[in-house]
Amino acid sequence: MEQIPVIKNPKKEFSSWRGFFVSRPLVAASSSHFKDPEGWKRIKVSQFTFLKSFKTVFLKTFQGAVDCYVHDVDGNSMIPWKIKESNIQISEAFQSTDGRYFIEAQTGSHDCVLHDDPESSVNGQWFYMESAHSFQHLRGDMSLVDTGDYDSNEFSEVIFQVHAYNYDGYVLYTKRFKEKAEMGWEYH
């Protein structure tokens, strides 16, 4: 009997509502469906050259939709705080061979939650960038699992693991993030 492949998760990039996974999720594919025609590669955050326009989009996306707080000096109470452009940081960046990006952003160590989902942080929000002036907010609470053309349609699919309050699952984006399929489960 063959062993199932296992890749450890030492950085604790992959988690669930119930805690961190010991191993990272893997994608199983047949040998004819493993190419990545769009050539997505992780890049250094410093190589993302559209930071100024992205920060404007980030602020517009969450303006009026979040509550942000910073702890006081004693760490006991929370003081209301507003996201500033200087607080927005790119934590992950990926680029295709034709210059498109998908990126993960955060507001540093500040505690910001969405009005309509107080269990969801503004940190760890993913965006897709088609061009310098075309950004699409995907969602938060995700970790990238893999990219590849799993259905031989000449587009790379991008698979994320989703980990939110009382919800875990996976989302697959395809056709340059125009379509998606999501599968998940709740714990109670």
Protein backbone atom coordinates (compact mmCIF):
# COMPACT_ATOMS: atom_id res chain seq x y z
CA MET A 1 0.00 0.00 0.00
CA GLU A 2 1.41 3.38 -1.03
CA GLN A 3 1.68 6.28 1.38
CA ILE A 4 -0.27 9.48 0.74
CA PRO A 5 2.20 12.35 0.15
CA VAL A 6 2.52 14.81 3.02
CA ILE A 7 4.12 18.25 3.04
CA LYS A 8 4.59 19.83 6.47
CA ASN A 9 3.13 23.26 7.34
CA PRO A 10 5.94 24.77 9.49
CA LYS A 11 4.99 28.42 8.77
CA LYS A 12 1.41 27.67 9.83
CA GLU A 13 0.13 29.20 6.58
CA PHE A 14 -2.80 26.80 6.47
CA SER A 15 -5.32 26.71 9.25
CA SER A 16 -8.91 25.91 9.93
CA TRP A 17 -11.47 27.38 12.25
CA ARG A 18 -10.33 24.73 14.71
CA GLY A 19 -6.58 25.41 14.54
CA PHE A 20 -3.50 24.97 12.35
CA PHE A 21 -2.97 22.03 10.03
CA VAL A 22 0.12 19.90 10.61
CA SER A 23 0.33 19.35 6.83
CA ARG A 24 -0.53 21.67 3.96
CA PRO A 25 -3.40 20.85 1.56
CA LEU A 26 -2.36 19.20 -1.71
CA VAL A 27 -4.05 19.17 -5.11
CA ALA A 28 -4.35 15.78 -6.78
CA ALA A 29 -4.39 15.94 -10.58
CA SER A 30 -3.87 13.50 -13.41
CA SER A 31 -0.64 13.85 -15.39
CA SER A 32 -2.37 15.56 -18.32
CA HIS A 33 -3.73 18.42 -16.20
CA PHE A 34 -0.78 19.85 -14.33
CA LYS A 35 0.43 22.80 -16.42
CA ASP A 36 0.17 26.44 -15.38
CA PRO A 37 -0.24 28.24 -18.75
CA GLU A 38 -0.39 31.68 -17.13
CA GLY A 39 2.89 31.03 -15.28
CA TRP A 40 1.93 32.34 -11.84
CA LYS A 41 5.00 32.86 -9.64
CA ARG A 42 5.48 34.27 -6.16
CA ILE A 43 7.40 37.54 -6.35
CA LYS A 44 9.07 39.70 -3.75
CA VAL A 45 6.64 42.26 -2.38
CA SER A 46 9.11 44.98 -3.43
CA GLN A 47 8.61 43.91 -7.07
CA PHE A 48 4.92 44.88 -6.97
CA THR A 49 5.13 48.25 -8.73
CA PHE A 50 1.49 49.37 -8.43
CA LEU A 51 1.44 49.93 -4.66
CA LYS A 52 0.13 53.52 -4.77
CA SER A 53 -2.88 52.69 -6.97
CA PHE A 54 -3.53 49.51 -4.99
CA LYS A 55 -3.62 51.40 -1.67
CA THR A 56 -6.26 53.73 -3.13
CA VAL A 57 -8.36 50.71 -4.16
CA PHE A 58 -7.92 49.08 -0.74
CA LEU A 59 -9.12 52.22 1.05
CA LYS A 60 -12.13 52.57 -1.28
CA THR A 61 -13.02 48.90 -0.81
CA PHE A 62 -13.15 49.13 2.98
CA GLN A 63 -14.06 52.78 3.54
CA GLY A 64 -17.01 52.88 5.90
CA ALA A 65 -17.21 49.08 6.02
CA VAL A 66 -14.81 48.41 8.89
CA ASP A 67 -14.31 49.11 12.55
CA CYS A 68 -10.66 49.52 13.50
CA TYR A 69 -9.16 49.68 16.95
CA VAL A 70 -5.73 49.95 18.43
CA HIS A 71 -4.91 48.88 21.99
CA ASP A 72 -4.04 51.61 24.47
CA VAL A 73 -0.63 51.70 26.15
CA ASP A 74 -1.75 49.31 28.90
CA GLY A 75 -3.31 46.94 26.38
CA ASN A 76 -6.61 47.05 28.25
CA SER A 77 -8.93 49.14 26.11
CA MET A 78 -9.46 49.62 22.42
CA ILE A 79 -9.19 53.06 20.86
CA PRO A 80 -11.05 53.68 17.55
CA TRP A 81 -8.65 54.05 14.64
CA LYS A 82 -8.95 54.82 10.91
CA ILE A 83 -7.01 52.94 8.20
CA LYS A 84 -4.42 55.19 6.58
CA GLU A 85 -2.64 54.58 3.32
CA SER A 86 0.66 54.27 5.19
CA ASN A 87 -0.70 51.28 7.18
CA ILE A 88 -1.55 49.15 4.13
CA GLN A 89 1.02 46.46 3.48
CA ILE A 90 1.30 43.75 0.85
CA SER A 91 2.02 40.42 2.54
CA GLU A 92 1.98 38.13 -0.55
CA ALA A 93 2.28 38.88 -4.27
CA PHE A 94 2.06 36.62 -7.32
CA GLN A 95 2.59 37.61 -10.96
CA SER A 96 1.60 35.91 -14.22
CA THR A 97 3.88 35.86 -17.24
CA ASP A 98 1.76 38.58 -18.88
CA GLY A 99 1.96 40.97 -15.91
CA ARG A 100 -1.25 40.35 -13.97
CA TYR A 101 -1.15 39.97 -10.18
CA PHE A 102 -3.00 38.56 -7.25
CA ILE A 103 -1.99 39.95 -3.90
CA GLU A 104 -2.76 39.68 -0.21
CA ALA A 105 -2.90 42.87 1.85
CA GLN A 106 -3.15 43.77 5.51
CA THR A 107 -3.24 46.78 7.81
CA GLY A 108 -0.30 45.69 9.91
CA SER A 109 -0.92 44.89 13.56
CA HIS A 110 -4.08 46.99 13.76
CA ASP A 111 -7.32 45.22 14.56
CA CYS A 112 -9.91 45.94 11.85
CA VAL A 113 -13.08 43.92 11.33
CA LEU A 114 -15.85 44.14 8.75
CA HIS A 115 -19.19 45.66 9.87
CA ASP A 116 -21.22 42.87 8.25
CA ASP A 117 -18.95 40.08 9.55
CA PRO A 118 -17.27 40.99 12.86
CA GLU A 119 -15.48 37.63 12.89
CA SER A 120 -13.65 38.52 9.66
CA SER A 121 -10.52 40.65 9.78
CA VAL A 122 -9.48 43.17 7.16
CA ASN A 123 -6.03 41.64 7.40
CA GLY A 124 -5.44 38.93 4.81
CA GLN A 125 -7.66 40.33 2.05
CA TRP A 126 -6.92 39.09 -1.48
CA PHE A 127 -7.18 41.12 -4.69
CA TYR A 128 -6.72 40.32 -8.37
CA MET A 129 -5.14 42.95 -10.62
CA GLU A 130 -5.78 42.74 -14.36
CA SER A 131 -4.05 46.08 -15.09
CA ALA A 132 -2.81 49.16 -13.25
CA HIS A 133 -6.39 50.47 -13.07
CA SER A 134 -8.35 47.23 -12.74
CA PHE A 135 -8.48 45.61 -9.31
CA GLN A 136 -10.99 43.03 -8.09
CA HIS A 137 -11.46 42.26 -4.40
CA LEU A 138 -11.67 38.47 -3.98
CA ARG A 139 -12.19 37.95 -0.24
CA GLY A 140 -10.27 37.48 2.98
CA ASP A 141 -9.47 34.54 5.21
CA MET A 142 -7.72 32.53 2.48
CA SER A 143 -4.36 30.84 1.89
CA LEU A 144 -3.08 30.03 -1.61
CA VAL A 145 -2.85 26.27 -2.23
CA ASP A 146 -1.92 25.98 -5.92
CA THR A 147 -2.24 27.25 -9.50
CA GLY A 148 -2.64 25.07 -12.57
CA ASP A 149 -4.82 24.30 -15.59
CA TYR A 150 -6.78 21.40 -14.11
CA ASP A 151 -9.43 21.24 -16.84
CA SER A 152 -7.25 21.88 -19.94
CA ASN A 153 -9.08 25.08 -20.90
CA GLU A 154 -5.87 27.13 -21.43
CA PHE A 155 -6.54 29.17 -18.26
CA SER A 156 -4.80 28.63 -14.95
CA GLU A 157 -7.12 27.88 -12.06
CA VAL A 158 -6.14 29.32 -8.68
CA ILE A 159 -7.10 27.34 -5.57
CA PHE A 160 -7.29 28.85 -2.09
CA GLN A 161 -8.02 27.22 1.24
CA VAL A 162 -10.68 29.26 3.11
CA HIS A 163 -10.60 29.53 6.91
CA ALA A 164 -13.18 31.72 8.61
CA TYR A 165 -15.25 31.63 11.78
CA ASN A 166 -17.21 28.36 11.81
CA TYR A 167 -16.33 27.78 8.14
CA ASP A 168 -13.58 25.95 6.28
CA GLY A 169 -13.32 25.02 2.65
CA TYR A 170 -11.75 25.73 -0.71
CA VAL A 171 -12.42 28.18 -3.52
CA LEU A 172 -11.25 27.74 -7.10
CA TYR A 173 -11.02 30.78 -9.36
CA THR A 174 -10.85 30.29 -13.12
CA LYS A 175 -10.95 32.25 -16.40
CA ARG A 176 -8.82 35.04 -15.00
CA PHE A 177 -10.85 35.29 -11.79
CA LYS A 178 -14.13 35.82 -13.68
CA GLU A 179 -15.63 32.56 -12.40
CA LYS A 180 -15.32 30.66 -9.14
CA ALA A 181 -16.47 27.49 -7.45
CA GLU A 182 -16.50 27.13 -3.66
CA MET A 183 -16.93 24.13 -1.43
CA GLY A 184 -17.00 24.43 2.34
CA TRP A 185 -18.42 23.19 5.60
CA GLU A 186 -19.52 24.54 8.95
CA TYR A 187 -18.90 23.10 12.40
CA HIS A 188 -22.14 24.08 14.13
